[in-house]
Structures are given as structure tokens and as C-alpha cells.
Amino acid sequence: MTTRTLTIETENSHALRVLEELAELKLIRIRKDSSDKTGKKKLSELLLGSISKEEGERMQEDVRKMRDEWERDF
């Protein structure tokens, strides 16, 4: 017997119920993702570490400068 792990996206509550019934019959095992209830990651989790700390600080400074330019009196 070979065990494989699959990711399944259900289209409706009926499909989820069928999967739960298969789990009750011990034909499959449903593992719940503890990090997120919906199975989707937050954007902040996906982007974490995508830029360096120095690059982030430089971008923050650029934003501050741009905001200051809007505050000037003409």
C-alpha cells in the first residue's frame, strides 16, 4: 500500500461532506493546516523575506520623502 499526500480544493459543501465520510471510513485522513483556517496564506506571509531589511528601510525613506513633497506649500 502506497501513501500519497494530495492537496484538494473543494468546490462546495457536498464535496467536503464526501471527504469527511471517506475519513470516517478510514479510507483517507484529513489534515487541517494549523497556520490558516482557509488553507490560503496571508499576503504578508508570502512576501516575508522577499526584500532585505536595508531595501525595506530605503523604500520607507523614499515614501517619507514623497509624502513630504506633497506637504510643501506652493
N, C-alpha and C. Protein backbone atom coordinates (compact mmCIF):
# COMPACT_ATOMS: atom_id res chain seq x y z
N MET A 1 0.84 -1.18 0.00
CA MET A 1 0.00 0.00 0.00
C MET A 1 0.89 1.24 0.00
N THR A 2 0.65 2.13 -0.94
CA THR A 2 1.43 3.36 -1.06
C THR A 2 0.61 4.53 -0.52
N THR A 3 1.22 5.33 0.32
CA THR A 3 0.57 6.53 0.85
C THR A 3 1.06 7.73 0.07
N ARG A 4 0.10 8.54 -0.39
CA ARG A 4 0.43 9.78 -1.10
C ARG A 4 -0.31 10.92 -0.45
N THR A 5 0.29 12.08 -0.46
CA THR A 5 -0.35 13.28 0.06
C THR A 5 -0.80 14.13 -1.11
N LEU A 6 -2.06 14.55 -1.08
CA LEU A 6 -2.65 15.37 -2.13
C LEU A 6 -3.25 16.62 -1.51
N THR A 7 -3.27 17.68 -2.27
CA THR A 7 -3.97 18.89 -1.87
C THR A 7 -5.25 18.97 -2.68
N ILE A 8 -6.36 19.11 -2.00
CA ILE A 8 -7.67 19.12 -2.66
C ILE A 8 -8.39 20.41 -2.31
N GLU A 9 -8.92 21.07 -3.31
CA GLU A 9 -9.77 22.24 -3.09
C GLU A 9 -11.20 21.83 -3.37
N THR A 10 -12.07 21.99 -2.39
CA THR A 10 -13.46 21.61 -2.57
C THR A 10 -14.23 22.75 -3.24
N GLU A 11 -15.16 22.38 -4.08
CA GLU A 11 -15.97 23.38 -4.79
C GLU A 11 -17.23 23.74 -4.01
N ASN A 12 -17.68 22.85 -3.14
CA ASN A 12 -18.88 23.14 -2.36
C ASN A 12 -18.92 22.25 -1.12
N SER A 13 -19.93 22.48 -0.28
CA SER A 13 -20.02 21.76 0.98
C SER A 13 -20.31 20.27 0.78
N HIS A 14 -20.93 19.90 -0.34
CA HIS A 14 -21.21 18.48 -0.61
C HIS A 14 -19.91 17.70 -0.80
N ALA A 15 -18.98 18.29 -1.50
CA ALA A 15 -17.69 17.63 -1.72
C ALA A 15 -16.95 17.46 -0.40
N LEU A 16 -17.02 18.45 0.45
CA LEU A 16 -16.37 18.36 1.76
C LEU A 16 -17.01 17.25 2.59
N ARG A 17 -18.32 17.13 2.52
CA ARG A 17 -19.01 16.08 3.27
C ARG A 17 -18.58 14.70 2.78
N VAL A 18 -18.43 14.51 1.46
CA VAL A 18 -17.98 13.23 0.91
C VAL A 18 -16.59 12.89 1.44
N LEU A 19 -15.71 13.88 1.47
CA LEU A 19 -14.36 13.67 2.00
C LEU A 19 -14.41 13.30 3.49
N GLU A 20 -15.28 13.97 4.24
CA GLU A 20 -15.41 13.65 5.66
C GLU A 20 -15.93 12.22 5.86
N GLU A 21 -16.84 11.79 4.99
CA GLU A 21 -17.35 10.41 5.08
C GLU A 21 -16.24 9.41 4.77
N LEU A 22 -15.40 9.71 3.78
CA LEU A 22 -14.26 8.83 3.48
C LEU A 22 -13.31 8.75 4.67
N ALA A 23 -13.15 9.87 5.37
CA ALA A 23 -12.28 9.88 6.54
C ALA A 23 -12.90 9.03 7.66
N GLU A 24 -14.20 9.11 7.83
CA GLU A 24 -14.89 8.30 8.84
C GLU A 24 -14.73 6.81 8.56
N LEU A 25 -14.68 6.44 7.29
CA LEU A 25 -14.49 5.04 6.89
C LEU A 25 -13.02 4.62 6.94
N LYS A 26 -12.16 5.55 7.36
CA LYS A 26 -10.71 5.31 7.45
C LYS A 26 -10.07 5.02 6.09
N LEU A 27 -10.67 5.58 5.02
CA LEU A 27 -10.11 5.44 3.68
C LEU A 27 -9.12 6.56 3.38
N ILE A 28 -9.36 7.70 3.99
CA ILE A 28 -8.45 8.83 3.85
C ILE A 28 -8.28 9.48 5.22
N ARG A 29 -7.28 10.35 5.33
CA ARG A 29 -7.07 11.13 6.56
C ARG A 29 -7.04 12.60 6.15
N ILE A 30 -7.80 13.41 6.85
CA ILE A 30 -7.83 14.84 6.57
C ILE A 30 -6.94 15.52 7.59
N ARG A 31 -5.94 16.25 7.08
CA ARG A 31 -5.04 17.02 7.94
C ARG A 31 -5.41 18.48 7.82
N LYS A 32 -5.67 19.09 8.92
CA LYS A 32 -6.01 20.51 8.92
C LYS A 32 -4.74 21.32 9.06
N ASP A 33 -4.63 22.38 8.28
CA ASP A 33 -3.48 23.28 8.34
C ASP A 33 -3.67 24.21 9.52
N SER A 34 -2.80 24.11 10.52
CA SER A 34 -2.96 24.91 11.74
C SER A 34 -2.60 26.37 11.54
N SER A 35 -1.84 26.71 10.49
CA SER A 35 -1.41 28.09 10.31
C SER A 35 -2.52 28.98 9.76
N ASP A 36 -3.47 28.39 9.03
CA ASP A 36 -4.52 29.19 8.44
C ASP A 36 -5.75 28.33 8.24
N LYS A 37 -6.90 28.81 8.67
CA LYS A 37 -8.12 28.02 8.59
C LYS A 37 -8.62 27.81 7.16
N THR A 38 -8.33 28.74 6.25
CA THR A 38 -8.84 28.63 4.88
C THR A 38 -7.92 27.85 3.96
N GLY A 39 -6.72 27.57 4.41
CA GLY A 39 -5.76 26.88 3.57
C GLY A 39 -4.95 27.83 2.70
N LYS A 40 -5.28 29.10 2.76
CA LYS A 40 -4.55 30.10 1.98
C LYS A 40 -3.67 30.91 2.93
N LYS A 41 -2.49 31.28 2.45
CA LYS A 41 -1.59 32.08 3.27
C LYS A 41 -1.91 33.56 3.09
N LYS A 42 -1.61 34.31 4.14
CA LYS A 42 -1.76 35.75 4.06
C LYS A 42 -0.68 36.31 3.13
N LEU A 43 -0.98 37.43 2.50
CA LEU A 43 -0.03 38.06 1.61
C LEU A 43 1.27 38.39 2.35
N SER A 44 1.15 38.83 3.60
CA SER A 44 2.35 39.16 4.38
C SER A 44 3.23 37.93 4.58
N GLU A 45 2.61 36.74 4.74
CA GLU A 45 3.39 35.51 4.89
C GLU A 45 4.09 35.14 3.59
N LEU A 46 3.42 35.38 2.47
CA LEU A 46 4.01 35.06 1.17
C LEU A 46 5.20 35.97 0.85
N LEU A 47 5.10 37.24 1.28
CA LEU A 47 6.13 38.22 0.93
C LEU A 47 7.25 38.31 1.96
N LEU A 48 7.08 37.67 3.12
CA LEU A 48 8.07 37.73 4.17
C LEU A 48 9.43 37.30 3.65
N GLY A 49 10.43 38.19 3.80
CA GLY A 49 11.78 37.88 3.37
C GLY A 49 12.05 38.11 1.89
N SER A 50 11.09 38.66 1.17
CA SER A 50 11.29 38.86 -0.27
C SER A 50 12.24 40.01 -0.58
N ILE A 51 12.38 40.95 0.36
CA ILE A 51 13.37 42.02 0.21
C ILE A 51 14.19 42.10 1.49
N SER A 52 15.38 42.65 1.38
CA SER A 52 16.25 42.76 2.55
C SER A 52 15.76 43.88 3.47
N LYS A 53 16.22 43.85 4.70
CA LYS A 53 15.87 44.89 5.66
C LYS A 53 16.34 46.25 5.17
N GLU A 54 17.56 46.29 4.60
CA GLU A 54 18.11 47.55 4.10
C GLU A 54 17.25 48.10 2.96
N GLU A 55 16.83 47.22 2.06
CA GLU A 55 15.99 47.65 0.94
C GLU A 55 14.65 48.18 1.46
N GLY A 56 14.08 47.53 2.46
CA GLY A 56 12.83 47.98 3.04
C GLY A 56 12.97 49.34 3.69
N GLU A 57 14.07 49.55 4.40
CA GLU A 57 14.31 50.85 5.02
C GLU A 57 14.48 51.94 3.97
N ARG A 58 15.19 51.62 2.88
CA ARG A 58 15.37 52.60 1.79
C ARG A 58 14.01 52.95 1.17
N MET A 59 13.18 51.96 0.98
CA MET A 59 11.85 52.20 0.40
C MET A 59 11.00 53.06 1.34
N GLN A 60 11.09 52.79 2.66
CA GLN A 60 10.35 53.59 3.63
C GLN A 60 10.80 55.06 3.58
N GLU A 61 12.11 55.27 3.47
CA GLU A 61 12.64 56.63 3.38
C GLU A 61 12.15 57.31 2.10
N ASP A 62 12.13 56.60 0.99
CA ASP A 62 11.61 57.16 -0.26
C ASP A 62 10.15 57.57 -0.10
N VAL A 63 9.36 56.76 0.57
CA VAL A 63 7.94 57.08 0.79
C VAL A 63 7.82 58.33 1.65
N ARG A 64 8.63 58.43 2.71
CA ARG A 64 8.61 59.62 3.56
C ARG A 64 8.93 60.88 2.75
N LYS A 65 9.94 60.79 1.88
CA LYS A 65 10.32 61.94 1.04
C LYS A 65 9.18 62.33 0.11
N MET A 66 8.53 61.34 -0.49
CA MET A 66 7.41 61.63 -1.40
C MET A 66 6.26 62.30 -0.65
N ARG A 67 5.97 61.81 0.56
CA ARG A 67 4.90 62.42 1.36
C ARG A 67 5.25 63.86 1.73
N ASP A 68 6.51 64.09 2.07
CA ASP A 68 6.94 65.45 2.41
C ASP A 68 6.79 66.39 1.22
N GLU A 69 7.02 65.90 0.01
CA GLU A 69 6.86 66.74 -1.17
C GLU A 69 5.43 67.18 -1.34
N TRP A 70 4.48 66.36 -0.98
CA TRP A 70 3.07 66.74 -1.07
C TRP A 70 2.69 67.75 0.00
N GLU A 71 3.43 67.81 1.08
CA GLU A 71 3.14 68.72 2.19
C GLU A 71 3.67 70.12 1.93
N ARG A 72 4.52 70.32 0.92
CA ARG A 72 5.11 71.64 0.68
C ARG A 72 4.07 72.66 0.24
N ASP A 73 4.32 73.90 0.61
CA ASP A 73 3.46 75.00 0.14
C ASP A 73 3.98 75.48 -1.19
N PHE A 74 3.07 75.70 -2.10
CA PHE A 74 3.47 76.19 -3.43
C PHE A 74 3.18 77.63 -3.59
